Full PDB file with SEQRES, HELIX, SHEET, SSBOND, CRYST1, ORIGX, SCALE, CONECT and MASTER records, all heavy atoms in Angstrom:
SEQRES   1 A   38  GLY ARG SER TYR ILE ARG THR ASN LEU THR PHE ASP PRO          
SEQRES   2 A   38  GLY PHE MET ASP HIS TYR LEU SER ALA PHE PRO ILE LEU          
SEQRES   3 A   38  GLY GLN PHE PHE TRP ASN LEU TRP ARG GLY SER LEU              
HELIX    1 AA1 PRO A   13  MET A   16  5                                   4    
HELIX    2 AA2 ASP A   17  LEU A   20  1                                   4    
HELIX    3 AA3 PRO A   24  ARG A   35  1                                  12    
CRYST1    1.000    1.000    1.000  90.00  90.00  90.00 P 1           1          
ORIGX1      1.000000  0.000000  0.000000        0.00000                         
ORIGX2      0.000000  1.000000  0.000000        0.00000                         
ORIGX3      0.000000  0.000000  1.000000        0.00000                         
SCALE1      1.000000  0.000000  0.000000        0.00000                         
SCALE2      0.000000  1.000000  0.000000        0.00000                         
SCALE3      0.000000  0.000000  1.000000        0.00000                         
ATOM      1  N   GLY A   1     -60.571 -33.189 -40.428  1.00  0.00           N  
ATOM      2  CA  GLY A   1     -60.363 -33.902 -41.644  1.00  0.00           C  
ATOM      3  C   GLY A   1     -58.948 -33.921 -42.143  1.00  0.00           C  
ATOM      4  O   GLY A   1     -58.698 -34.277 -43.286  1.00  0.00           O  
ATOM      5  N   ARG A   2     -58.004 -33.463 -41.349  1.00  0.00           N  
ATOM      6  CA  ARG A   2     -56.633 -33.355 -41.800  1.00  0.00           C  
ATOM      7  C   ARG A   2     -55.693 -33.853 -40.695  1.00  0.00           C  
ATOM      8  O   ARG A   2     -55.658 -33.312 -39.608  1.00  0.00           O  
ATOM      9  CB  ARG A   2     -56.293 -31.921 -42.154  1.00  0.00           C  
ATOM     10  CG  ARG A   2     -54.916 -31.745 -42.778  1.00  0.00           C  
ATOM     11  CD  ARG A   2     -54.799 -30.334 -43.362  1.00  0.00           C  
ATOM     12  NE  ARG A   2     -53.475 -29.993 -43.822  1.00  0.00           N  
ATOM     13  CZ  ARG A   2     -52.954 -30.357 -44.977  1.00  0.00           C  
ATOM     14  NH1 ARG A   2     -53.643 -31.160 -45.809  1.00  0.00           N  
ATOM     15  NH2 ARG A   2     -51.739 -30.002 -45.346  1.00  0.00           N  
ATOM     16  N   SER A   3     -54.923 -34.909 -41.004  1.00  0.00           N  
ATOM     17  CA  SER A   3     -53.975 -35.450 -40.052  1.00  0.00           C  
ATOM     18  C   SER A   3     -52.605 -34.876 -40.227  1.00  0.00           C  
ATOM     19  O   SER A   3     -52.246 -34.371 -41.287  1.00  0.00           O  
ATOM     20  CB  SER A   3     -53.935 -37.009 -40.200  1.00  0.00           C  
ATOM     21  OG  SER A   3     -55.172 -37.563 -39.866  1.00  0.00           O  
ATOM     22  N   TYR A   4     -51.803 -35.012 -39.182  1.00  0.00           N  
ATOM     23  CA  TYR A   4     -50.401 -34.641 -39.207  1.00  0.00           C  
ATOM     24  C   TYR A   4     -49.614 -35.934 -39.313  1.00  0.00           C  
ATOM     25  O   TYR A   4     -49.567 -36.734 -38.389  1.00  0.00           O  
ATOM     26  CB  TYR A   4     -50.052 -33.858 -37.941  1.00  0.00           C  
ATOM     27  CG  TYR A   4     -48.591 -33.523 -37.792  1.00  0.00           C  
ATOM     28  CD1 TYR A   4     -47.857 -32.976 -38.818  1.00  0.00           C  
ATOM     29  CD2 TYR A   4     -47.960 -33.715 -36.555  1.00  0.00           C  
ATOM     30  CE1 TYR A   4     -46.531 -32.633 -38.662  1.00  0.00           C  
ATOM     31  CE2 TYR A   4     -46.631 -33.390 -36.373  1.00  0.00           C  
ATOM     32  CZ  TYR A   4     -45.929 -32.843 -37.443  1.00  0.00           C  
ATOM     33  OH  TYR A   4     -44.590 -32.494 -37.257  1.00  0.00           O  
ATOM     34  N   ILE A   5     -48.981 -36.142 -40.483  1.00  0.00           N  
ATOM     35  CA  ILE A   5     -48.258 -37.396 -40.752  1.00  0.00           C  
ATOM     36  C   ILE A   5     -46.796 -37.047 -40.984  1.00  0.00           C  
ATOM     37  O   ILE A   5     -46.499 -36.260 -41.891  1.00  0.00           O  
ATOM     38  CB  ILE A   5     -48.835 -38.122 -41.988  1.00  0.00           C  
ATOM     39  CG1 ILE A   5     -50.371 -38.343 -41.807  1.00  0.00           C  
ATOM     40  CG2 ILE A   5     -48.187 -39.455 -42.154  1.00  0.00           C  
ATOM     41  CD1 ILE A   5     -51.022 -38.860 -43.063  1.00  0.00           C  
ATOM     42  N   ARG A   6     -45.930 -37.671 -40.215  1.00  0.00           N  
ATOM     43  CA  ARG A   6     -44.513 -37.354 -40.354  1.00  0.00           C  
ATOM     44  C   ARG A   6     -43.641 -38.530 -39.975  1.00  0.00           C  
ATOM     45  O   ARG A   6     -44.040 -39.437 -39.260  1.00  0.00           O  
ATOM     46  CB  ARG A   6     -44.113 -36.115 -39.583  1.00  0.00           C  
ATOM     47  CG  ARG A   6     -43.901 -36.282 -38.093  1.00  0.00           C  
ATOM     48  CD  ARG A   6     -45.174 -36.341 -37.337  1.00  0.00           C  
ATOM     49  NE  ARG A   6     -45.002 -36.105 -35.895  1.00  0.00           N  
ATOM     50  CZ  ARG A   6     -45.936 -36.312 -34.957  1.00  0.00           C  
ATOM     51  NH1 ARG A   6     -47.102 -36.769 -35.371  1.00  0.00           N  
ATOM     52  NH2 ARG A   6     -45.713 -36.103 -33.732  1.00  0.00           N  
ATOM     53  N   THR A   7     -42.386 -38.421 -40.387  1.00  0.00           N  
ATOM     54  CA  THR A   7     -41.330 -39.357 -40.014  1.00  0.00           C  
ATOM     55  C   THR A   7     -40.234 -38.562 -39.286  1.00  0.00           C  
ATOM     56  O   THR A   7     -39.805 -37.523 -39.760  1.00  0.00           O  
ATOM     57  CB  THR A   7     -40.746 -40.063 -41.205  1.00  0.00           C  
ATOM     58  OG1 THR A   7     -41.699 -40.998 -41.733  1.00  0.00           O  
ATOM     59  CG2 THR A   7     -39.458 -40.817 -40.892  1.00  0.00           C  
ATOM     60  N   ASN A   8     -39.765 -39.137 -38.176  1.00  0.00           N  
ATOM     61  CA  ASN A   8     -38.656 -38.522 -37.418  1.00  0.00           C  
ATOM     62  C   ASN A   8     -37.492 -39.481 -37.380  1.00  0.00           C  
ATOM     63  O   ASN A   8     -37.664 -40.680 -37.095  1.00  0.00           O  
ATOM     64  CB  ASN A   8     -39.051 -38.222 -35.977  1.00  0.00           C  
ATOM     65  CG  ASN A   8     -39.937 -37.003 -35.851  1.00  0.00           C  
ATOM     66  OD1 ASN A   8     -41.157 -37.090 -36.063  1.00  0.00           O  
ATOM     67  ND2 ASN A   8     -39.353 -35.872 -35.519  1.00  0.00           N  
ATOM     68  N   LEU A   9     -36.317 -38.991 -37.700  1.00  0.00           N  
ATOM     69  CA  LEU A   9     -35.070 -39.738 -37.536  1.00  0.00           C  
ATOM     70  C   LEU A   9     -34.107 -38.881 -36.783  1.00  0.00           C  
ATOM     71  O   LEU A   9     -33.712 -37.818 -37.212  1.00  0.00           O  
ATOM     72  CB  LEU A   9     -34.543 -40.060 -38.971  1.00  0.00           C  
ATOM     73  CG  LEU A   9     -33.094 -40.638 -39.079  1.00  0.00           C  
ATOM     74  CD1 LEU A   9     -33.001 -41.912 -38.263  1.00  0.00           C  
ATOM     75  CD2 LEU A   9     -32.658 -40.830 -40.509  1.00  0.00           C  
ATOM     76  N   THR A  10     -33.684 -39.404 -35.665  1.00  0.00           N  
ATOM     77  CA  THR A  10     -32.695 -38.717 -34.798  1.00  0.00           C  
ATOM     78  C   THR A  10     -31.493 -39.661 -34.613  1.00  0.00           C  
ATOM     79  O   THR A  10     -31.692 -40.795 -34.251  1.00  0.00           O  
ATOM     80  CB  THR A  10     -33.311 -38.338 -33.458  1.00  0.00           C  
ATOM     81  OG1 THR A  10     -34.465 -37.531 -33.652  1.00  0.00           O  
ATOM     82  CG2 THR A  10     -32.271 -37.557 -32.628  1.00  0.00           C  
ATOM     83  N   PHE A  11     -30.293 -39.174 -34.866  1.00  0.00           N  
ATOM     84  CA  PHE A  11     -29.139 -40.072 -34.784  1.00  0.00           C  
ATOM     85  C   PHE A  11     -27.890 -39.292 -34.300  1.00  0.00           C  
ATOM     86  O   PHE A  11     -27.803 -38.081 -34.507  1.00  0.00           O  
ATOM     87  CB  PHE A  11     -28.861 -40.756 -36.125  1.00  0.00           C  
ATOM     88  CG  PHE A  11     -28.472 -39.796 -37.222  1.00  0.00           C  
ATOM     89  CD1 PHE A  11     -27.106 -39.611 -37.572  1.00  0.00           C  
ATOM     90  CD2 PHE A  11     -29.422 -39.099 -37.927  1.00  0.00           C  
ATOM     91  CE1 PHE A  11     -26.790 -38.721 -38.560  1.00  0.00           C  
ATOM     92  CE2 PHE A  11     -29.098 -38.224 -38.953  1.00  0.00           C  
ATOM     93  CZ  PHE A  11     -27.767 -38.041 -39.286  1.00  0.00           C  
ATOM     94  N   ASP A  12     -27.003 -40.007 -33.680  1.00  0.00           N  
ATOM     95  CA  ASP A  12     -25.715 -39.465 -33.274  1.00  0.00           C  
ATOM     96  C   ASP A  12     -24.834 -39.269 -34.531  1.00  0.00           C  
ATOM     97  O   ASP A  12     -24.618 -40.236 -35.238  1.00  0.00           O  
ATOM     98  CB  ASP A  12     -25.039 -40.426 -32.318  1.00  0.00           C  
ATOM     99  CG  ASP A  12     -23.729 -39.944 -31.773  1.00  0.00           C  
ATOM    100  OD1 ASP A  12     -23.122 -39.080 -32.424  1.00  0.00           O  
ATOM    101  OD2 ASP A  12     -23.278 -40.448 -30.724  1.00  0.00           O  
ATOM    102  N   PRO A  13     -24.394 -38.039 -34.824  1.00  0.00           N  
ATOM    103  CA  PRO A  13     -23.579 -37.841 -36.040  1.00  0.00           C  
ATOM    104  C   PRO A  13     -22.351 -38.715 -36.092  1.00  0.00           C  
ATOM    105  O   PRO A  13     -21.887 -39.088 -37.171  1.00  0.00           O  
ATOM    106  CB  PRO A  13     -23.188 -36.353 -35.944  1.00  0.00           C  
ATOM    107  CG  PRO A  13     -24.212 -35.726 -35.060  1.00  0.00           C  
ATOM    108  CD  PRO A  13     -24.612 -36.795 -34.051  1.00  0.00           C  
ATOM    109  N   GLY A  14     -21.810 -39.082 -34.918  1.00  0.00           N  
ATOM    110  CA  GLY A  14     -20.642 -39.924 -34.911  1.00  0.00           C  
ATOM    111  C   GLY A  14     -20.879 -41.305 -35.499  1.00  0.00           C  
ATOM    112  O   GLY A  14     -19.933 -41.998 -35.921  1.00  0.00           O  
ATOM    113  N   PHE A  15     -22.119 -41.703 -35.590  1.00  0.00           N  
ATOM    114  CA  PHE A  15     -22.456 -43.010 -36.193  1.00  0.00           C  
ATOM    115  C   PHE A  15     -22.003 -43.101 -37.649  1.00  0.00           C  
ATOM    116  O   PHE A  15     -21.663 -44.147 -38.195  1.00  0.00           O  
ATOM    117  CB  PHE A  15     -23.956 -43.223 -36.129  1.00  0.00           C  
ATOM    118  CG  PHE A  15     -24.471 -44.339 -36.984  1.00  0.00           C  
ATOM    119  CD1 PHE A  15     -24.100 -45.683 -36.703  1.00  0.00           C  
ATOM    120  CD2 PHE A  15     -25.343 -44.121 -38.044  1.00  0.00           C  
ATOM    121  CE1 PHE A  15     -24.566 -46.733 -37.497  1.00  0.00           C  
ATOM    122  CE2 PHE A  15     -25.815 -45.180 -38.829  1.00  0.00           C  
ATOM    123  CZ  PHE A  15     -25.440 -46.452 -38.546  1.00  0.00           C  
ATOM    124  N   MET A  16     -21.906 -41.906 -38.318  1.00  0.00           N  
ATOM    125  CA  MET A  16     -21.565 -41.898 -39.752  1.00  0.00           C  
ATOM    126  C   MET A  16     -20.085 -41.854 -40.038  1.00  0.00           C  
ATOM    127  O   MET A  16     -19.627 -41.938 -41.188  1.00  0.00           O  
ATOM    128  CB  MET A  16     -22.281 -40.690 -40.444  1.00  0.00           C  
ATOM    129  CG  MET A  16     -23.784 -40.773 -40.461  1.00  0.00           C  
ATOM    130  SD  MET A  16     -24.421 -42.319 -41.192  1.00  0.00           S  
ATOM    131  CE  MET A  16     -23.656 -42.242 -42.840  1.00  0.00           C  
ATOM    132  N   ASP A  17     -19.239 -41.697 -38.996  1.00  0.00           N  
ATOM    133  CA  ASP A  17     -17.802 -41.522 -39.224  1.00  0.00           C  
ATOM    134  C   ASP A  17     -17.244 -42.692 -40.054  1.00  0.00           C  
ATOM    135  O   ASP A  17     -16.490 -42.459 -41.065  1.00  0.00           O  
ATOM    136  CB  ASP A  17     -17.040 -41.458 -37.882  1.00  0.00           C  
ATOM    137  CG  ASP A  17     -17.225 -40.139 -37.195  1.00  0.00           C  
ATOM    138  OD1 ASP A  17     -17.729 -39.183 -37.832  1.00  0.00           O  
ATOM    139  OD2 ASP A  17     -16.891 -40.041 -35.984  1.00  0.00           O  
ATOM    140  N   HIS A  18     -17.569 -43.906 -39.674  1.00  0.00           N  
ATOM    141  CA  HIS A  18     -17.004 -45.059 -40.379  1.00  0.00           C  
ATOM    142  C   HIS A  18     -17.471 -45.082 -41.829  1.00  0.00           C  
ATOM    143  O   HIS A  18     -16.646 -45.372 -42.734  1.00  0.00           O  
ATOM    144  CB  HIS A  18     -17.473 -46.337 -39.632  1.00  0.00           C  
ATOM    145  CG  HIS A  18     -17.118 -47.592 -40.371  1.00  0.00           C  
ATOM    146  ND1 HIS A  18     -15.818 -48.055 -40.515  1.00  0.00           N  
ATOM    147  CD2 HIS A  18     -17.887 -48.500 -41.064  1.00  0.00           C  
ATOM    148  CE1 HIS A  18     -15.819 -49.146 -41.218  1.00  0.00           C  
ATOM    149  NE2 HIS A  18     -17.040 -49.457 -41.540  1.00  0.00           N  
ATOM    150  N   TYR A  19     -18.715 -44.803 -42.076  1.00  0.00           N  
ATOM    151  CA  TYR A  19     -19.246 -44.910 -43.460  1.00  0.00           C  
ATOM    152  C   TYR A  19     -18.785 -43.792 -44.362  1.00  0.00           C  
ATOM    153  O   TYR A  19     -18.680 -43.996 -45.566  1.00  0.00           O  
ATOM    154  CB  TYR A  19     -20.782 -44.950 -43.406  1.00  0.00           C  
ATOM    155  CG  TYR A  19     -21.318 -46.112 -42.629  1.00  0.00           C  
ATOM    156  CD1 TYR A  19     -21.694 -46.009 -41.275  1.00  0.00           C  
ATOM    157  CD2 TYR A  19     -21.384 -47.359 -43.209  1.00  0.00           C  
ATOM    158  CE1 TYR A  19     -22.166 -47.085 -40.577  1.00  0.00           C  
ATOM    159  CE2 TYR A  19     -21.840 -48.463 -42.507  1.00  0.00           C  
ATOM    160  CZ  TYR A  19     -22.240 -48.334 -41.182  1.00  0.00           C  
ATOM    161  OH  TYR A  19     -22.661 -49.401 -40.490  1.00  0.00           O  
ATOM    162  N   LEU A  20     -18.468 -42.615 -43.771  1.00  0.00           N  
ATOM    163  CA  LEU A  20     -18.060 -41.511 -44.587  1.00  0.00           C  
ATOM    164  C   LEU A  20     -16.539 -41.442 -44.828  1.00  0.00           C  
ATOM    165  O   LEU A  20     -16.106 -40.610 -45.604  1.00  0.00           O  
ATOM    166  CB  LEU A  20     -18.529 -40.183 -43.885  1.00  0.00           C  
ATOM    167  CG  LEU A  20     -20.033 -39.895 -43.962  1.00  0.00           C  
ATOM    168  CD1 LEU A  20     -20.409 -38.801 -42.950  1.00  0.00           C  
ATOM    169  CD2 LEU A  20     -20.436 -39.448 -45.344  1.00  0.00           C  
ATOM    170  N   SER A  21     -15.816 -42.310 -44.156  1.00  0.00           N  
ATOM    171  CA  SER A  21     -14.362 -42.227 -44.222  1.00  0.00           C  
ATOM    172  C   SER A  21     -13.843 -42.390 -45.655  1.00  0.00           C  
ATOM    173  O   SER A  21     -12.776 -41.827 -46.034  1.00  0.00           O  
ATOM    174  CB  SER A  21     -13.731 -43.273 -43.332  1.00  0.00           C  
ATOM    175  OG  SER A  21     -14.118 -44.582 -43.712  1.00  0.00           O  
ATOM    176  N   ALA A  22     -14.573 -43.095 -46.499  1.00  0.00           N  
ATOM    177  CA  ALA A  22     -14.145 -43.326 -47.910  1.00  0.00           C  
ATOM    178  C   ALA A  22     -14.620 -42.213 -48.844  1.00  0.00           C  
ATOM    179  O   ALA A  22     -14.290 -42.235 -50.013  1.00  0.00           O  
ATOM    180  CB  ALA A  22     -14.606 -44.667 -48.392  1.00  0.00           C  
ATOM    181  N   PHE A  23     -15.387 -41.253 -48.332  1.00  0.00           N  
ATOM    182  CA  PHE A  23     -15.987 -40.203 -49.176  1.00  0.00           C  
ATOM    183  C   PHE A  23     -15.650 -38.845 -48.603  1.00  0.00           C  
ATOM    184  O   PHE A  23     -16.478 -38.250 -47.924  1.00  0.00           O  
ATOM    185  CB  PHE A  23     -17.490 -40.431 -49.306  1.00  0.00           C  
ATOM    186  CG  PHE A  23     -17.860 -41.809 -49.760  1.00  0.00           C  
ATOM    187  CD1 PHE A  23     -18.310 -42.741 -48.815  1.00  0.00           C  
ATOM    188  CD2 PHE A  23     -17.758 -42.202 -51.068  1.00  0.00           C  
ATOM    189  CE1 PHE A  23     -18.677 -44.019 -49.215  1.00  0.00           C  
ATOM    190  CE2 PHE A  23     -18.113 -43.472 -51.476  1.00  0.00           C  
ATOM    191  CZ  PHE A  23     -18.589 -44.396 -50.540  1.00  0.00           C  
ATOM    192  N   PRO A  24     -14.440 -38.312 -48.795  1.00  0.00           N  
ATOM    193  CA  PRO A  24     -14.047 -37.064 -48.135  1.00  0.00           C  
ATOM    194  C   PRO A  24     -14.884 -35.844 -48.455  1.00  0.00           C  
ATOM    195  O   PRO A  24     -15.132 -35.019 -47.582  1.00  0.00           O  
ATOM    196  CB  PRO A  24     -12.594 -36.881 -48.595  1.00  0.00           C  
ATOM    197  CG  PRO A  24     -12.457 -37.723 -49.830  1.00  0.00           C  
ATOM    198  CD  PRO A  24     -13.362 -38.874 -49.648  1.00  0.00           C  
ATOM    199  N   ILE A  25     -15.367 -35.727 -49.709  1.00  0.00           N  
ATOM    200  CA  ILE A  25     -16.184 -34.553 -50.061  1.00  0.00           C  
ATOM    201  C   ILE A  25     -17.541 -34.648 -49.360  1.00  0.00           C  
ATOM    202  O   ILE A  25     -18.037 -33.669 -48.799  1.00  0.00           O  
ATOM    203  CB  ILE A  25     -16.303 -34.450 -51.584  1.00  0.00           C  
ATOM    204  CG1 ILE A  25     -14.915 -34.160 -52.202  1.00  0.00           C  
ATOM    205  CG2 ILE A  25     -17.279 -33.307 -51.944  1.00  0.00           C  
ATOM    206  CD1 ILE A  25     -14.949 -34.103 -53.732  1.00  0.00           C  
ATOM    207  N   LEU A  26     -18.146 -35.832 -49.447  1.00  0.00           N  
ATOM    208  CA  LEU A  26     -19.427 -36.043 -48.758  1.00  0.00           C  
ATOM    209  C   LEU A  26     -19.238 -35.861 -47.251  1.00  0.00           C  
ATOM    210  O   LEU A  26     -20.122 -35.321 -46.571  1.00  0.00           O  
ATOM    211  CB  LEU A  26     -19.996 -37.392 -49.092  1.00  0.00           C  
ATOM    212  CG  LEU A  26     -21.417 -37.705 -48.622  1.00  0.00           C  
ATOM    213  CD1 LEU A  26     -22.399 -36.791 -49.266  1.00  0.00           C  
ATOM    214  CD2 LEU A  26     -21.797 -39.171 -48.850  1.00  0.00           C  
ATOM    215  N   GLY A  27     -18.107 -36.340 -46.745  1.00  0.00           N  
ATOM    216  CA  GLY A  27     -17.834 -36.228 -45.329  1.00  0.00           C  
ATOM    217  C   GLY A  27     -17.712 -34.766 -44.889  1.00  0.00           C  
ATOM    218  O   GLY A  27     -18.172 -34.378 -43.828  1.00  0.00           O  
ATOM    219  N   GLN A  28     -17.064 -33.946 -45.787  1.00  0.00           N  
ATOM    220  CA  GLN A  28     -16.977 -32.502 -45.428  1.00  0.00           C  
ATOM    221  C   GLN A  28     -18.342 -31.858 -45.455  1.00  0.00           C  
ATOM    222  O   GLN A  28     -18.667 -31.033 -44.611  1.00  0.00           O  
ATOM    223  CB  GLN A  28     -16.051 -31.819 -46.475  1.00  0.00           C  
ATOM    224  CG  GLN A  28     -15.866 -30.304 -46.221  1.00  0.00           C  
ATOM    225  CD  GLN A  28     -15.167 -30.036 -44.906  1.00  0.00           C  
ATOM    226  OE1 GLN A  28     -14.181 -30.704 -44.548  1.00  0.00           O  
ATOM    227  NE2 GLN A  28     -15.666 -29.088 -44.158  1.00  0.00           N  
ATOM    228  N   PHE A  29     -19.191 -32.229 -46.418  1.00  0.00           N  
ATOM    229  CA  PHE A  29     -20.547 -31.700 -46.450  1.00  0.00           C  
ATOM    230  C   PHE A  29     -21.292 -32.100 -45.168  1.00  0.00           C  
ATOM    231  O   PHE A  29     -21.964 -31.239 -44.567  1.00  0.00           O  
ATOM    232  CB  PHE A  29     -21.308 -32.289 -47.676  1.00  0.00           C  
ATOM    233  CG  PHE A  29     -22.751 -31.941 -47.682  1.00  0.00           C  
ATOM    234  CD1 PHE A  29     -23.213 -30.745 -48.192  1.00  0.00           C  
ATOM    235  CD2 PHE A  29     -23.698 -32.873 -47.194  1.00  0.00           C  
ATOM    236  CE1 PHE A  29     -24.587 -30.435 -48.178  1.00  0.00           C  
ATOM    237  CE2 PHE A  29     -25.051 -32.544 -47.167  1.00  0.00           C  
ATOM    238  CZ  PHE A  29     -25.490 -31.341 -47.694  1.00  0.00           C  
ATOM    239  N   PHE A  30     -21.159 -33.355 -44.766  1.00  0.00           N  
ATOM    240  CA  PHE A  30     -21.867 -33.814 -43.539  1.00  0.00           C  
ATOM    241  C   PHE A  30     -21.331 -33.099 -42.310  1.00  0.00           C  
ATOM    242  O   PHE A  30     -22.117 -32.728 -41.410  1.00  0.00           O  
ATOM    243  CB  PHE A  30     -21.744 -35.330 -43.393  1.00  0.00           C  
ATOM    244  CG  PHE A  30     -22.436 -35.850 -42.164  1.00  0.00           C  
ATOM    245  CD1 PHE A  30     -23.819 -35.899 -42.128  1.00  0.00           C  
ATOM    246  CD2 PHE A  30     -21.752 -36.248 -41.061  1.00  0.00           C  
ATOM    247  CE1 PHE A  30     -24.499 -36.383 -41.047  1.00  0.00           C  
ATOM    248  CE2 PHE A  30     -22.364 -36.731 -39.911  1.00  0.00           C  
ATOM    249  CZ  PHE A  30     -23.748 -36.776 -39.904  1.00  0.00           C  
ATOM    250  N   TRP A  31     -20.023 -32.858 -42.259  1.00  0.00           N  
ATOM    251  CA  TRP A  31     -19.466 -32.139 -41.127  1.00  0.00           C  
ATOM    252  C   TRP A  31     -20.052 -30.763 -41.026  1.00  0.00           C  
ATOM    253  O   TRP A  31     -20.389 -30.292 -39.937  1.00  0.00           O  
ATOM    254  CB  TRP A  31     -17.933 -32.080 -41.274  1.00  0.00           C  
ATOM    255  CG  TRP A  31     -17.225 -31.575 -40.025  1.00  0.00           C  
ATOM    256  CD1 TRP A  31     -16.694 -32.290 -39.042  1.00  0.00           C  
ATOM    257  CD2 TRP A  31     -16.983 -30.188 -39.689  1.00  0.00           C  
ATOM    258  NE1 TRP A  31     -16.156 -31.478 -38.079  1.00  0.00           N  
ATOM    259  CE2 TRP A  31     -16.281 -30.170 -38.431  1.00  0.00           C  
ATOM    260  CE3 TRP A  31     -17.288 -28.976 -40.262  1.00  0.00           C  
ATOM    261  CZ2 TRP A  31     -15.906 -29.016 -37.783  1.00  0.00           C  
ATOM    262  CZ3 TRP A  31     -16.906 -27.794 -39.676  1.00  0.00           C  
ATOM    263  CH2 TRP A  31     -16.224 -27.799 -38.440  1.00  0.00           C  
ATOM    264  N   ASN A  32     -20.167 -30.082 -42.168  1.00  0.00           N  
ATOM    265  CA  ASN A  32     -20.772 -28.754 -42.168  1.00  0.00           C  
ATOM    266  C   ASN A  32     -22.277 -28.805 -41.800  1.00  0.00           C  
ATOM    267  O   ASN A  32     -22.794 -27.914 -41.149  1.00  0.00           O  
ATOM    268  CB  ASN A  32     -20.598 -28.093 -43.522  1.00  0.00           C  
ATOM    269  CG  ASN A  32     -19.217 -27.520 -43.662  1.00  0.00           C  
ATOM    270  OD1 ASN A  32     -18.922 -26.403 -43.241  1.00  0.00           O  
ATOM    271  ND2 ASN A  32     -18.295 -28.300 -44.281  1.00  0.00           N  
ATOM    272  N   LEU A  33     -22.961 -29.892 -42.264  1.00  0.00           N  
ATOM    273  CA  LEU A  33     -24.339 -30.056 -41.913  1.00  0.00           C  
ATOM    274  C   LEU A  33     -24.508 -30.186 -40.409  1.00  0.00           C  
ATOM    275  O   LEU A  33     -25.450 -29.745 -39.819  1.00  0.00           O  
ATOM    276  CB  LEU A  33     -24.910 -31.267 -42.633  1.00  0.00           C  
ATOM    277  CG  LEU A  33     -26.431 -31.468 -42.659  1.00  0.00           C  
ATOM    278  CD1 LEU A  33     -27.070 -30.407 -43.548  1.00  0.00           C  
ATOM    279  CD2 LEU A  33     -26.752 -32.861 -43.164  1.00  0.00           C  
ATOM    280  N   TRP A  34     -23.554 -30.882 -39.809  1.00  0.00           N  
ATOM    281  CA  TRP A  34     -23.531 -31.176 -38.369  1.00  0.00           C  
ATOM    282  C   TRP A  34     -23.168 -29.930 -37.579  1.00  0.00           C  
ATOM    283  O   TRP A  34     -23.866 -29.539 -36.613  1.00  0.00           O  
ATOM    284  CB  TRP A  34     -22.573 -32.317 -38.134  1.00  0.00           C  
ATOM    285  CG  TRP A  34     -22.229 -32.697 -36.735  1.00  0.00           C  
ATOM    286  CD1 TRP A  34     -22.845 -32.291 -35.582  1.00  0.00           C  
ATOM    287  CD2 TRP A  34     -21.221 -33.631 -36.355  1.00  0.00           C  
ATOM    288  NE1 TRP A  34     -22.268 -32.862 -34.505  1.00  0.00           N  
ATOM    289  CE2 TRP A  34     -21.316 -33.697 -34.939  1.00  0.00           C  
ATOM    290  CE3 TRP A  34     -20.318 -34.420 -37.037  1.00  0.00           C  
ATOM    291  CZ2 TRP A  34     -20.413 -34.538 -34.212  1.00  0.00           C  
ATOM    292  CZ3 TRP A  34     -19.466 -35.233 -36.332  1.00  0.00           C  
ATOM    293  CH2 TRP A  34     -19.518 -35.299 -34.924  1.00  0.00           C  
ATOM    294  N   ARG A  35     -22.094 -29.235 -37.979  1.00  0.00           N  
ATOM    295  CA  ARG A  35     -21.539 -28.204 -37.149  1.00  0.00           C  
ATOM    296  C   ARG A  35     -21.536 -26.801 -37.764  1.00  0.00           C  
ATOM    297  O   ARG A  35     -21.206 -25.796 -37.117  1.00  0.00           O  
ATOM    298  CB  ARG A  35     -20.063 -28.557 -36.811  1.00  0.00           C  
ATOM    299  CG  ARG A  35     -19.912 -29.791 -35.961  1.00  0.00           C  
ATOM    300  CD  ARG A  35     -18.447 -30.058 -35.676  1.00  0.00           C  
ATOM    301  NE  ARG A  35     -18.270 -31.243 -34.879  1.00  0.00           N  
ATOM    302  CZ  ARG A  35     -18.206 -31.263 -33.538  1.00  0.00           C  
ATOM    303  NH1 ARG A  35     -18.359 -30.123 -32.891  1.00  0.00           N  
ATOM    304  NH2 ARG A  35     -17.984 -32.348 -32.898  1.00  0.00           N  
ATOM    305  N   GLY A  36     -21.878 -26.738 -39.083  1.00  0.00           N  
ATOM    306  CA  GLY A  36     -21.813 -25.455 -39.771  1.00  0.00           C  
ATOM    307  C   GLY A  36     -23.052 -24.598 -39.551  1.00  0.00           C  
ATOM    308  O   GLY A  36     -23.940 -24.905 -38.753  1.00  0.00           O  
ATOM    309  N   SER A  37     -23.107 -23.513 -40.325  1.00  0.00           N  
ATOM    310  CA  SER A  37     -24.239 -22.580 -40.239  1.00  0.00           C  
ATOM    311  C   SER A  37     -25.181 -22.878 -41.369  1.00  0.00           C  
ATOM    312  O   SER A  37     -24.841 -22.786 -42.570  1.00  0.00           O  
ATOM    313  CB  SER A  37     -23.760 -21.123 -40.365  1.00  0.00           C  
ATOM    314  OG  SER A  37     -22.903 -20.800 -39.288  1.00  0.00           O  
ATOM    315  N   LEU A  38     -26.437 -23.240 -41.045  1.00  0.00           N  
ATOM    316  CA  LEU A  38     -27.461 -23.534 -42.060  1.00  0.00           C  
ATOM    317  C   LEU A  38     -28.062 -22.215 -42.483  1.00  0.00           C  
ATOM    318  O   LEU A  38     -28.446 -21.391 -41.678  1.00  0.00           O  
ATOM    319  CB  LEU A  38     -28.543 -24.427 -41.480  1.00  0.00           C  
ATOM    320  CG  LEU A  38     -28.100 -25.843 -40.981  1.00  0.00           C  
ATOM    321  CD1 LEU A  38     -29.314 -26.627 -40.585  1.00  0.00           C  
ATOM    322  CD2 LEU A  38     -27.312 -26.555 -42.049  1.00  0.00           C  
TER     323      LEU A  38                                                      
MASTER        0    0    0    3    0    0    0    6  322    1    0    3          
END                                                                             
C-alpha cells in the first residue's frame, strides 16, 4: 500500500556556467556544491 515516488535530475555542472556568470556569489555557492565538502 505504499509506493516509492521520486523525481531525478542529473546534469553536467558545466551547463550552468553561462547562467551563473552574472551571479558571482551564487556561482561560488554552486562551485562549492559541485566540488566542495558537503
